[in-house]
Amino acid sequence: KKYVKSGVHTEITNLVIPEYNDSSDNIKELVKFLSKLS
């Protein structure tokens, strides 16, 4: 949030690990969070 607000170019890499963080809900929540920022 701080980087985006201050104008720093920000890219996100989401390492998807099967059976740990690969649920569609997790990915949707990440996309929703980022889309609210920029």
PDB file of all heavy atoms in Angstrom:
ATOM      1  N   LYS A   1       0.830  -1.209   0.000  1.00  0.00           N
ATOM      2  CA  LYS A   1       0.000   0.000   0.000  1.00  0.00           C
ATOM      3  C   LYS A   1       0.865   1.260   0.000  1.00  0.00           C
ATOM      4  O   LYS A   1       0.599   2.206  -0.751  1.00  0.00           O
ATOM      5  CB  LYS A   1      -0.918   0.028   1.224  1.00  0.00           C
ATOM      6  CG  LYS A   1      -2.037  -0.969   1.199  1.00  0.00           C
ATOM      7  CD  LYS A   1      -2.818  -0.885   2.503  1.00  0.00           C
ATOM      8  CE  LYS A   1      -3.810  -1.993   2.657  1.00  0.00           C
ATOM      9  NZ  LYS A   1      -4.488  -1.933   3.970  1.00  0.00           N
ATOM     10  N   LYS A   2       1.898   1.284   0.843  1.00  0.00           N
ATOM     11  CA  LYS A   2       2.764   2.465   0.945  1.00  0.00           C
ATOM     12  C   LYS A   2       3.498   2.726  -0.363  1.00  0.00           C
ATOM     13  O   LYS A   2       3.605   3.872  -0.801  1.00  0.00           O
ATOM     14  CB  LYS A   2       3.766   2.282   2.086  1.00  0.00           C
ATOM     15  CG  LYS A   2       3.144   2.416   3.441  1.00  0.00           C
ATOM     16  CD  LYS A   2       4.159   2.190   4.539  1.00  0.00           C
ATOM     17  CE  LYS A   2       3.478   2.189   5.893  1.00  0.00           C
ATOM     18  NZ  LYS A   2       4.407   1.914   6.985  1.00  0.00           N
ATOM     19  N   TYR A   3       4.030   1.678  -0.985  1.00  0.00           N
ATOM     20  CA  TYR A   3       4.748   1.853  -2.253  1.00  0.00           C
ATOM     21  C   TYR A   3       3.830   2.411  -3.329  1.00  0.00           C
ATOM     22  O   TYR A   3       4.184   3.346  -4.031  1.00  0.00           O
ATOM     23  CB  TYR A   3       5.352   0.536  -2.728  1.00  0.00           C
ATOM     24  CG  TYR A   3       6.632   0.134  -2.030  1.00  0.00           C
ATOM     25  CD1 TYR A   3       7.003  -1.205  -1.968  1.00  0.00           C
ATOM     26  CD2 TYR A   3       7.478   1.067  -1.445  1.00  0.00           C
ATOM     27  CE1 TYR A   3       8.178  -1.583  -1.350  1.00  0.00           C
ATOM     28  CE2 TYR A   3       8.642   0.686  -0.818  1.00  0.00           C
ATOM     29  CZ  TYR A   3       8.999  -0.643  -0.778  1.00  0.00           C
ATOM     30  OH  TYR A   3      10.153  -1.014  -0.162  1.00  0.00           O
ATOM     31  N   VAL A   4       2.657   1.823  -3.461  1.00  0.00           N
ATOM     32  CA  VAL A   4       1.720   2.267  -4.497  1.00  0.00           C
ATOM     33  C   VAL A   4       1.293   3.706  -4.237  1.00  0.00           C
ATOM     34  O   VAL A   4       1.293   4.535  -5.150  1.00  0.00           O
ATOM     35  CB  VAL A   4       0.502   1.317  -4.583  1.00  0.00           C
ATOM     36  CG1 VAL A   4      -0.565   1.881  -5.490  1.00  0.00           C
ATOM     37  CG2 VAL A   4       0.946  -0.064  -5.060  1.00  0.00           C
ATOM     38  N   LYS A   5       0.973   4.019  -2.996  1.00  0.00           N
ATOM     39  CA  LYS A   5       0.532   5.374  -2.645  1.00  0.00           C
ATOM     40  C   LYS A   5       1.613   6.415  -2.922  1.00  0.00           C
ATOM     41  O   LYS A   5       1.318   7.534  -3.341  1.00  0.00           O
ATOM     42  CB  LYS A   5       0.126   5.427  -1.167  1.00  0.00           C
ATOM     43  CG  LYS A   5      -0.450   6.742  -0.747  1.00  0.00           C
ATOM     44  CD  LYS A   5      -0.914   6.717   0.696  1.00  0.00           C
ATOM     45  CE  LYS A   5      -1.502   8.072   1.079  1.00  0.00           C
ATOM     46  NZ  LYS A   5      -1.981   8.071   2.454  1.00  0.00           N
ATOM     47  N   SER A   6       2.877   6.035  -2.732  1.00  0.00           N
ATOM     48  CA  SER A   6       3.962   6.997  -2.943  1.00  0.00           C
ATOM     49  C   SER A   6       4.443   7.043  -4.393  1.00  0.00           C
ATOM     50  O   SER A   6       5.358   7.783  -4.716  1.00  0.00           O
ATOM     51  CB  SER A   6       5.136   6.685  -2.012  1.00  0.00           C
ATOM     52  OG  SER A   6       5.721   5.445  -2.358  1.00  0.00           O
ATOM     53  N   GLY A   7       3.815   6.255  -5.271  1.00  0.00           N
ATOM     54  CA  GLY A   7       4.140   6.312  -6.689  1.00  0.00           C
ATOM     55  C   GLY A   7       5.272   5.407  -7.136  1.00  0.00           C
ATOM     56  O   GLY A   7       5.736   5.507  -8.272  1.00  0.00           O
ATOM     57  N   VAL A   8       5.729   4.526  -6.265  1.00  0.00           N
ATOM     58  CA  VAL A   8       6.787   3.590  -6.622  1.00  0.00           C
ATOM     59  C   VAL A   8       6.204   2.518  -7.547  1.00  0.00           C
ATOM     60  O   VAL A   8       5.146   1.941  -7.253  1.00  0.00           O
ATOM     61  CB  VAL A   8       7.378   2.923  -5.355  1.00  0.00           C
ATOM     62  CG1 VAL A   8       8.365   1.830  -5.721  1.00  0.00           C
ATOM     63  CG2 VAL A   8       8.028   3.965  -4.465  1.00  0.00           C
ATOM     64  N   HIS A   9       6.894   2.260  -8.673  1.00  0.00           N
ATOM     65  CA  HIS A   9       6.440   1.197  -9.569  1.00  0.00           C
ATOM     66  C   HIS A   9       6.457  -0.115  -8.784  1.00  0.00           C
ATOM     67  O   HIS A   9       7.480  -0.493  -8.201  1.00  0.00           O
ATOM     68  CB  HIS A   9       7.338   1.079 -10.799  1.00  0.00           C
ATOM     69  CG  HIS A   9       6.973  -0.062 -11.666  1.00  0.00           C
ATOM     70  ND1 HIS A   9       5.892  -0.011 -12.531  1.00  0.00           N
ATOM     71  CD2 HIS A   9       7.507  -1.300 -11.786  1.00  0.00           C
ATOM     72  CE1 HIS A   9       5.792  -1.178 -13.148  1.00  0.00           C
ATOM     73  NE2 HIS A   9       6.767  -1.966 -12.720  1.00  0.00           N
ATOM     74  N   THR A  10       5.342  -0.801  -8.770  1.00  0.00           N
ATOM     75  CA  THR A  10       5.190  -2.011  -7.964  1.00  0.00           C
ATOM     76  C   THR A  10       4.682  -3.146  -8.831  1.00  0.00           C
ATOM     77  O   THR A  10       3.721  -2.978  -9.584  1.00  0.00           O
ATOM     78  CB  THR A  10       4.188  -1.758  -6.813  1.00  0.00           C
ATOM     79  OG1 THR A  10       4.632  -0.624  -6.057  1.00  0.00           O
ATOM     80  CG2 THR A  10       4.066  -2.954  -5.906  1.00  0.00           C
ATOM     81  N   GLU A  11       5.341  -4.289  -8.738  1.00  0.00           N
ATOM     82  CA  GLU A  11       4.884  -5.518  -9.386  1.00  0.00           C
ATOM     83  C   GLU A  11       4.814  -6.587  -8.314  1.00  0.00           C
ATOM     84  O   GLU A  11       5.627  -6.610  -7.393  1.00  0.00           O
ATOM     85  CB  GLU A  11       5.843  -5.949 -10.491  1.00  0.00           C
ATOM     86  CG  GLU A  11       5.920  -4.952 -11.623  1.00  0.00           C
ATOM     87  CD  GLU A  11       6.618  -5.489 -12.851  1.00  0.00           C
ATOM     88  OE1 GLU A  11       6.639  -6.730 -13.052  1.00  0.00           O
ATOM     89  OE2 GLU A  11       7.127  -4.671 -13.626  1.00  0.00           O
ATOM     90  N   ILE A  12       3.853  -7.483  -8.449  1.00  0.00           N
ATOM     91  CA  ILE A  12       3.658  -8.546  -7.468  1.00  0.00           C
ATOM     92  C   ILE A  12       3.900  -9.894  -8.135  1.00  0.00           C
ATOM     93  O   ILE A  12       3.365 -10.178  -9.204  1.00  0.00           O
ATOM     94  CB  ILE A  12       2.229  -8.511  -6.883  1.00  0.00           C
ATOM     95  CG1 ILE A  12       1.933  -7.151  -6.240  1.00  0.00           C
ATOM     96  CG2 ILE A  12       2.001  -9.667  -5.911  1.00  0.00           C
ATOM     97  CD1 ILE A  12       2.802  -6.798  -5.060  1.00  0.00           C
ATOM     98  N   THR A  13       4.714 -10.704  -7.485  1.00  0.00           N
ATOM     99  CA  THR A  13       4.895 -12.092  -7.907  1.00  0.00           C
ATOM    100  C   THR A  13       4.254 -12.963  -6.841  1.00  0.00           C
ATOM    101  O   THR A  13       4.606 -12.874  -5.665  1.00  0.00           O
ATOM    102  CB  THR A  13       6.388 -12.434  -8.050  1.00  0.00           C
ATOM    103  OG1 THR A  13       6.952 -11.581  -9.034  1.00  0.00           O
ATOM    104  CG2 THR A  13       6.563 -13.883  -8.467  1.00  0.00           C
ATOM    105  N   ASN A  14       3.315 -13.784  -7.252  1.00  0.00           N
ATOM    106  CA  ASN A  14       2.600 -14.665  -6.329  1.00  0.00           C
ATOM    107  C   ASN A  14       3.019 -16.108  -6.630  1.00  0.00           C
ATOM    108  O   ASN A  14       2.593 -16.689  -7.620  1.00  0.00           O
ATOM    109  CB  ASN A  14       1.090 -14.495  -6.502  1.00  0.00           C
ATOM    110  CG  ASN A  14       0.301 -15.346  -5.542  1.00  0.00           C
ATOM    111  OD1 ASN A  14       0.706 -15.539  -4.405  1.00  0.00           O
ATOM    112  ND2 ASN A  14      -0.824 -15.863  -5.994  1.00  0.00           N
ATOM    113  N   LEU A  15       3.869 -16.649  -5.787  1.00  0.00           N
ATOM    114  CA  LEU A  15       4.303 -18.029  -5.950  1.00  0.00           C
ATOM    115  C   LEU A  15       3.163 -18.946  -5.497  1.00  0.00           C
ATOM    116  O   LEU A  15       2.795 -18.949  -4.323  1.00  0.00           O
ATOM    117  CB  LEU A  15       5.558 -18.305  -5.122  1.00  0.00           C
ATOM    118  CG  LEU A  15       6.084 -19.730  -5.137  1.00  0.00           C
ATOM    119  CD1 LEU A  15       6.481 -20.143  -6.559  1.00  0.00           C
ATOM    120  CD2 LEU A  15       7.263 -19.866  -4.198  1.00  0.00           C
ATOM    121  N   VAL A  16       2.618 -19.692  -6.428  1.00  0.00           N
ATOM    122  CA  VAL A  16       1.511 -20.595  -6.121  1.00  0.00           C
ATOM    123  C   VAL A  16       2.082 -21.967  -5.793  1.00  0.00           C
ATOM    124  O   VAL A  16       2.776 -22.574  -6.613  1.00  0.00           O
ATOM    125  CB  VAL A  16       0.525 -20.683  -7.303  1.00  0.00           C
ATOM    126  CG1 VAL A  16      -0.592 -21.661  -6.998  1.00  0.00           C
ATOM    127  CG2 VAL A  16      -0.040 -19.307  -7.623  1.00  0.00           C
ATOM    128  N   ILE A  17       1.786 -22.432  -4.587  1.00  0.00           N
ATOM    129  CA  ILE A  17       2.263 -23.739  -4.127  1.00  0.00           C
ATOM    130  C   ILE A  17       1.047 -24.653  -4.006  1.00  0.00           C
ATOM    131  O   ILE A  17       0.175 -24.417  -3.160  1.00  0.00           O
ATOM    132  CB  ILE A  17       2.983 -23.629  -2.773  1.00  0.00           C
ATOM    133  CG1 ILE A  17       4.115 -22.604  -2.858  1.00  0.00           C
ATOM    134  CG2 ILE A  17       3.501 -24.994  -2.331  1.00  0.00           C
ATOM    135  CD1 ILE A  17       4.732 -22.264  -1.523  1.00  0.00           C
ATOM    136  N   PRO A  18       0.977 -25.688  -4.852  1.00  0.00           N
ATOM    137  CA  PRO A  18      -0.177 -26.586  -4.812  1.00  0.00           C
ATOM    138  C   PRO A  18      -0.444 -27.121  -3.406  1.00  0.00           C
ATOM    139  O   PRO A  18       0.482 -27.491  -2.678  1.00  0.00           O
ATOM    140  CB  PRO A  18       0.215 -27.716  -5.770  1.00  0.00           C
ATOM    141  CG  PRO A  18       1.158 -27.056  -6.731  1.00  0.00           C
ATOM    142  CD  PRO A  18       1.931 -26.074  -5.887  1.00  0.00           C
ATOM    143  N   GLU A  19      -1.714 -27.078  -3.041  1.00  0.00           N
ATOM    144  CA  GLU A  19      -2.229 -27.552  -1.763  1.00  0.00           C
ATOM    145  C   GLU A  19      -1.854 -26.665  -0.575  1.00  0.00           C
ATOM    146  O   GLU A  19      -2.165 -26.983   0.553  1.00  0.00           O
ATOM    147  CB  GLU A  19      -1.825 -29.004  -1.505  1.00  0.00           C
ATOM    148  CG  GLU A  19      -2.392 -29.960  -2.556  1.00  0.00           C
ATOM    149  CD  GLU A  19      -2.062 -31.404  -2.293  1.00  0.00           C
ATOM    150  OE1 GLU A  19      -1.865 -31.781  -1.117  1.00  0.00           O
ATOM    151  OE2 GLU A  19      -2.007 -32.172  -3.273  1.00  0.00           O
ATOM    152  N   TYR A  20      -1.178 -25.553  -0.824  1.00  0.00           N
ATOM    153  CA  TYR A  20      -0.857 -24.608   0.241  1.00  0.00           C
ATOM    154  C   TYR A  20      -1.579 -23.282   0.041  1.00  0.00           C
ATOM    155  O   TYR A  20      -2.203 -22.774   0.956  1.00  0.00           O
ATOM    156  CB  TYR A  20       0.654 -24.341   0.324  1.00  0.00           C
ATOM    157  CG  TYR A  20       1.428 -25.445   1.004  1.00  0.00           C
ATOM    158  CD1 TYR A  20       1.896 -26.519   0.281  1.00  0.00           C
ATOM    159  CD2 TYR A  20       1.692 -25.402   2.364  1.00  0.00           C
ATOM    160  CE1 TYR A  20       2.608 -27.533   0.900  1.00  0.00           C
ATOM    161  CE2 TYR A  20       2.397 -26.408   2.994  1.00  0.00           C
ATOM    162  CZ  TYR A  20       2.858 -27.478   2.253  1.00  0.00           C
ATOM    163  OH  TYR A  20       3.547 -28.474   2.865  1.00  0.00           O
ATOM    164  N   ASN A  21      -1.444 -22.699  -1.151  1.00  0.00           N
ATOM    165  CA  ASN A  21      -2.039 -21.384  -1.385  1.00  0.00           C
ATOM    166  C   ASN A  21      -2.617 -21.283  -2.800  1.00  0.00           C
ATOM    167  O   ASN A  21      -2.575 -20.232  -3.415  1.00  0.00           O
ATOM    168  CB  ASN A  21      -1.007 -20.276  -1.155  1.00  0.00           C
ATOM    169  CG  ASN A  21       0.098 -20.277  -2.190  1.00  0.00           C
ATOM    170  OD1 ASN A  21       0.346 -21.280  -2.856  1.00  0.00           O
ATOM    171  ND2 ASN A  21       0.775 -19.166  -2.320  1.00  0.00           N
ATOM    172  N   ASP A  22      -3.134 -22.378  -3.294  1.00  0.00           N
ATOM    173  CA  ASP A  22      -3.589 -22.415  -4.684  1.00  0.00           C
ATOM    174  C   ASP A  22      -5.107 -22.349  -4.861  1.00  0.00           C
ATOM    175  O   ASP A  22      -5.604 -22.572  -5.952  1.00  0.00           O
ATOM    176  CB  ASP A  22      -3.048 -23.660  -5.384  1.00  0.00           C
ATOM    177  CG  ASP A  22      -3.544 -24.957  -4.759  1.00  0.00           C
ATOM    178  OD1 ASP A  22      -4.058 -24.916  -3.622  1.00  0.00           O
ATOM    179  OD2 ASP A  22      -3.403 -26.002  -5.400  1.00  0.00           O
ATOM    180  N   SER A  23      -5.813 -21.978  -3.832  1.00  0.00           N
ATOM    181  CA  SER A  23      -7.274 -21.923  -3.963  1.00  0.00           C
ATOM    182  C   SER A  23      -7.676 -20.723  -4.817  1.00  0.00           C
ATOM    183  O   SER A  23      -7.015 -19.673  -4.808  1.00  0.00           O
ATOM    184  CB  SER A  23      -7.955 -21.831  -2.600  1.00  0.00           C
ATOM    185  OG  SER A  23      -7.808 -20.542  -2.053  1.00  0.00           O
ATOM    186  N   SER A  24      -8.727 -20.875  -5.552  1.00  0.00           N
ATOM    187  CA  SER A  24      -9.211 -19.764  -6.373  1.00  0.00           C
ATOM    188  C   SER A  24      -9.640 -18.591  -5.490  1.00  0.00           C
ATOM    189  O   SER A  24      -9.495 -17.431  -5.884  1.00  0.00           O
ATOM    190  CB  SER A  24     -10.344 -20.210  -7.295  1.00  0.00           C
ATOM    191  OG  SER A  24     -11.431 -20.700  -6.550  1.00  0.00           O
ATOM    192  N   ASP A  25     -10.135 -18.876  -4.297  1.00  0.00           N
ATOM    193  CA  ASP A  25     -10.520 -17.796  -3.375  1.00  0.00           C
ATOM    194  C   ASP A  25      -9.310 -16.959  -2.971  1.00  0.00           C
ATOM    195  O   ASP A  25      -9.400 -15.732  -2.896  1.00  0.00           O
ATOM    196  CB  ASP A  25     -11.191 -18.357  -2.122  1.00  0.00           C
ATOM    197  CG  ASP A  25     -12.590 -18.868  -2.387  1.00  0.00           C
ATOM    198  OD1 ASP A  25     -13.181 -18.499  -3.424  1.00  0.00           O
ATOM    199  OD2 ASP A  25     -13.095 -19.637  -1.557  1.00  0.00           O
ATOM    200  N   ASN A  26      -8.187 -17.613  -2.719  1.00  0.00           N
ATOM    201  CA  ASN A  26      -6.959 -16.887  -2.365  1.00  0.00           C
ATOM    202  C   ASN A  26      -6.519 -15.972  -3.493  1.00  0.00           C
ATOM    203  O   ASN A  26      -6.158 -14.817  -3.268  1.00  0.00           O
ATOM    204  CB  ASN A  26      -5.831 -17.888  -2.080  1.00  0.00           C
ATOM    205  CG  ASN A  26      -5.410 -17.920  -0.645  1.00  0.00           C
ATOM    206  OD1 ASN A  26      -5.861 -17.128   0.170  1.00  0.00           O
ATOM    207  ND2 ASN A  26      -4.528 -18.841  -0.326  1.00  0.00           N
ATOM    208  N   ILE A  27      -6.541 -16.478  -4.691  1.00  0.00           N
ATOM    209  CA  ILE A  27      -6.109 -15.701  -5.851  1.00  0.00           C
ATOM    210  C   ILE A  27      -7.076 -14.546  -6.113  1.00  0.00           C
ATOM    211  O   ILE A  27      -6.662 -13.417  -6.372  1.00  0.00           O
ATOM    212  CB  ILE A  27      -5.932 -16.613  -7.078  1.00  0.00           C
ATOM    213  CG1 ILE A  27      -4.791 -17.599  -6.788  1.00  0.00           C
ATOM    214  CG2 ILE A  27      -5.659 -15.808  -8.333  1.00  0.00           C
ATOM    215  CD1 ILE A  27      -4.671 -18.738  -7.754  1.00  0.00           C
ATOM    216  N   LYS A  28      -8.367 -14.814  -5.989  1.00  0.00           N
ATOM    217  CA  LYS A  28      -9.358 -13.746  -6.165  1.00  0.00           C
ATOM    218  C   LYS A  28      -9.178 -12.646  -5.130  1.00  0.00           C
ATOM    219  O   LYS A  28      -9.312 -11.465  -5.433  1.00  0.00           O
ATOM    220  CB  LYS A  28     -10.770 -14.320  -6.075  1.00  0.00           C
ATOM    221  CG  LYS A  28     -11.190 -15.116  -7.282  1.00  0.00           C
ATOM    222  CD  LYS A  28     -12.571 -15.709  -7.083  1.00  0.00           C
ATOM    223  CE  LYS A  28     -12.934 -16.633  -8.225  1.00  0.00           C
ATOM    224  NZ  LYS A  28     -14.226 -17.297  -8.005  1.00  0.00           N
ATOM    225  N   GLU A  29      -8.878 -13.035  -3.897  1.00  0.00           N
ATOM    226  CA  GLU A  29      -8.681 -12.048  -2.834  1.00  0.00           C
ATOM    227  C   GLU A  29      -7.453 -11.178  -3.126  1.00  0.00           C
ATOM    228  O   GLU A  29      -7.480  -9.966  -2.902  1.00  0.00           O
ATOM    229  CB  GLU A  29      -8.520 -12.760  -1.487  1.00  0.00           C
ATOM    230  CG  GLU A  29      -8.589 -11.833  -0.311  1.00  0.00           C
ATOM    231  CD  GLU A  29      -8.600 -12.565   1.018  1.00  0.00           C
ATOM    232  OE1 GLU A  29      -8.939 -13.760   1.060  1.00  0.00           O
ATOM    233  OE2 GLU A  29      -8.263 -11.917   2.017  1.00  0.00           O
ATOM    234  N   LEU A  30      -6.393 -11.786  -3.647  1.00  0.00           N
ATOM    235  CA  LEU A  30      -5.204 -11.019  -4.018  1.00  0.00           C
ATOM    236  C   LEU A  30      -5.527 -10.029  -5.136  1.00  0.00           C
ATOM    237  O   LEU A  30      -5.162  -8.847  -5.052  1.00  0.00           O
ATOM    238  CB  LEU A  30      -4.082 -11.956  -4.455  1.00  0.00           C
ATOM    239  CG  LEU A  30      -2.823 -11.297  -5.008  1.00  0.00           C
ATOM    240  CD1 LEU A  30      -2.199 -10.346  -3.989  1.00  0.00           C
ATOM    241  CD2 LEU A  30      -1.835 -12.357  -5.459  1.00  0.00           C
ATOM    242  N   VAL A  31      -6.218 -10.481  -6.156  1.00  0.00           N
ATOM    243  CA  VAL A  31      -6.580  -9.611  -7.271  1.00  0.00           C
ATOM    244  C   VAL A  31      -7.469  -8.464  -6.786  1.00  0.00           C
ATOM    245  O   VAL A  31      -7.278  -7.309  -7.171  1.00  0.00           O
ATOM    246  CB  VAL A  31      -7.259 -10.419  -8.401  1.00  0.00           C
ATOM    247  CG1 VAL A  31      -7.857  -9.504  -9.445  1.00  0.00           C
ATOM    248  CG2 VAL A  31      -6.268 -11.393  -9.016  1.00  0.00           C
ATOM    249  N   LYS A  32      -8.403  -8.762  -5.928  1.00  0.00           N
ATOM    250  CA  LYS A  32      -9.296  -7.733  -5.384  1.00  0.00           C
ATOM    251  C   LYS A  32      -8.496  -6.694  -4.588  1.00  0.00           C
ATOM    252  O   LYS A  32      -8.708  -5.491  -4.746  1.00  0.00           O
ATOM    253  CB  LYS A  32     -10.355  -8.389  -4.498  1.00  0.00           C
ATOM    254  CG  LYS A  32     -11.384  -7.445  -3.956  1.00  0.00           C
ATOM    255  CD  LYS A  32     -12.419  -8.205  -3.149  1.00  0.00           C
ATOM    256  CE  LYS A  32     -13.428  -7.268  -2.527  1.00  0.00           C
ATOM    257  NZ  LYS A  32     -14.423  -7.990  -1.727  1.00  0.00           N
ATOM    258  N   PHE A  33      -7.586  -7.149  -3.755  1.00  0.00           N
ATOM    259  CA  PHE A  33      -6.748  -6.245  -2.961  1.00  0.00           C
ATOM    260  C   PHE A  33      -5.947  -5.325  -3.880  1.00  0.00           C
ATOM    261  O   PHE A  33      -5.928  -4.112  -3.691  1.00  0.00           O
ATOM    262  CB  PHE A  33      -5.804  -7.059  -2.063  1.00  0.00           C
ATOM    263  CG  PHE A  33      -4.732  -6.241  -1.414  1.00  0.00           C
ATOM    264  CD1 PHE A  33      -5.007  -5.447  -0.316  1.00  0.00           C
ATOM    265  CD2 PHE A  33      -3.427  -6.265  -1.905  1.00  0.00           C
ATOM    266  CE1 PHE A  33      -4.012  -4.679   0.282  1.00  0.00           C
ATOM    267  CE2 PHE A  33      -2.434  -5.505  -1.313  1.00  0.00           C
ATOM    268  CZ  PHE A  33      -2.721  -4.714  -0.219  1.00  0.00           C
ATOM    269  N   LEU A  34      -5.292  -5.899  -4.878  1.00  0.00           N
ATOM    270  CA  LEU A  34      -4.460  -5.103  -5.781  1.00  0.00           C
ATOM    271  C   LEU A  34      -5.286  -4.146  -6.622  1.00  0.00           C
ATOM    272  O   LEU A  34      -4.889  -3.001  -6.844  1.00  0.00           O
ATOM    273  CB  LEU A  34      -3.626  -6.022  -6.680  1.00  0.00           C
ATOM    274  CG  LEU A  34      -2.575  -6.867  -5.964  1.00  0.00           C
ATOM    275  CD1 LEU A  34      -1.908  -7.820  -6.939  1.00  0.00           C
ATOM    276  CD2 LEU A  34      -1.551  -5.989  -5.258  1.00  0.00           C
ATOM    277  N   SER A  35      -6.435  -4.594  -7.090  1.00  0.00           N
ATOM    278  CA  SER A  35      -7.261  -3.732  -7.947  1.00  0.00           C
ATOM    279  C   SER A  35      -7.793  -2.529  -7.177  1.00  0.00           C
ATOM    280  O   SER A  35      -8.056  -1.482  -7.783  1.00  0.00           O
ATOM    281  CB  SER A  35      -8.402  -4.524  -8.583  1.00  0.00           C
ATOM    282  OG  SER A  35      -9.322  -4.958  -7.617  1.00  0.00           O
ATOM    283  N   LYS A  36      -7.947  -2.648  -5.888  1.00  0.00           N
ATOM    284  CA  LYS A  36      -8.371  -1.500  -5.077  1.00  0.00           C
ATOM    285  C   LYS A  36      -7.247  -0.465  -4.945  1.00  0.00           C
ATOM    286  O   LYS A  36      -7.512   0.716  -4.789  1.00  0.00           O
ATOM    287  CB  LYS A  36      -8.814  -1.943  -3.674  1.00  0.00           C
ATOM    288  CG  LYS A  36     -10.158  -2.628  -3.675  1.00  0.00           C
ATOM    289  CD  LYS A  36     -10.550  -3.005  -2.270  1.00  0.00           C
ATOM    290  CE  LYS A  36     -11.913  -3.687  -2.262  1.00  0.00           C
ATOM    291  NZ  LYS A  36     -12.306  -4.074  -0.901  1.00  0.00           N
ATOM    292  N   LEU A  37      -6.002  -0.934  -5.036  1.00  0.00           N
ATOM    293  CA  LEU A  37      -4.860  -0.024  -4.924  1.00  0.00           C
ATOM    294  C   LEU A  37      -4.589   0.687  -6.241  1.00  0.00           C
ATOM    295  O   LEU A  37      -4.333   1.881  -6.268  1.00  0.00           O
ATOM    296  CB  LEU A  37      -3.600  -0.785  -4.513  1.00  0.00           C
ATOM    297  CG  LEU A  37      -3.601  -1.440  -3.139  1.00  0.00           C
ATOM    298  CD1 LEU A  37      -2.285  -2.170  -2.910  1.00  0.00           C
ATOM    299  CD2 LEU A  37      -3.823  -0.405  -2.053  1.00  0.00           C
ATOM    300  N   SER A  38      -4.616  -0.084  -7.346  1.00  0.00           N
ATOM    301  CA  SER A  38      -4.309   0.478  -8.652  1.00  0.00           C
ATOM    302  C   SER A  38      -4.601  -0.565  -9.723  1.00  0.00           C
ATOM    303  O   SER A  38      -4.456  -1.760  -9.482  1.00  0.00           O
ATOM    304  CB  SER A  38      -2.832   0.869  -8.730  1.00  0.00           C
ATOM    305  OG  SER A  38      -2.466   1.221 -10.047  1.00  0.00           O
TER     306      SER A  38
END
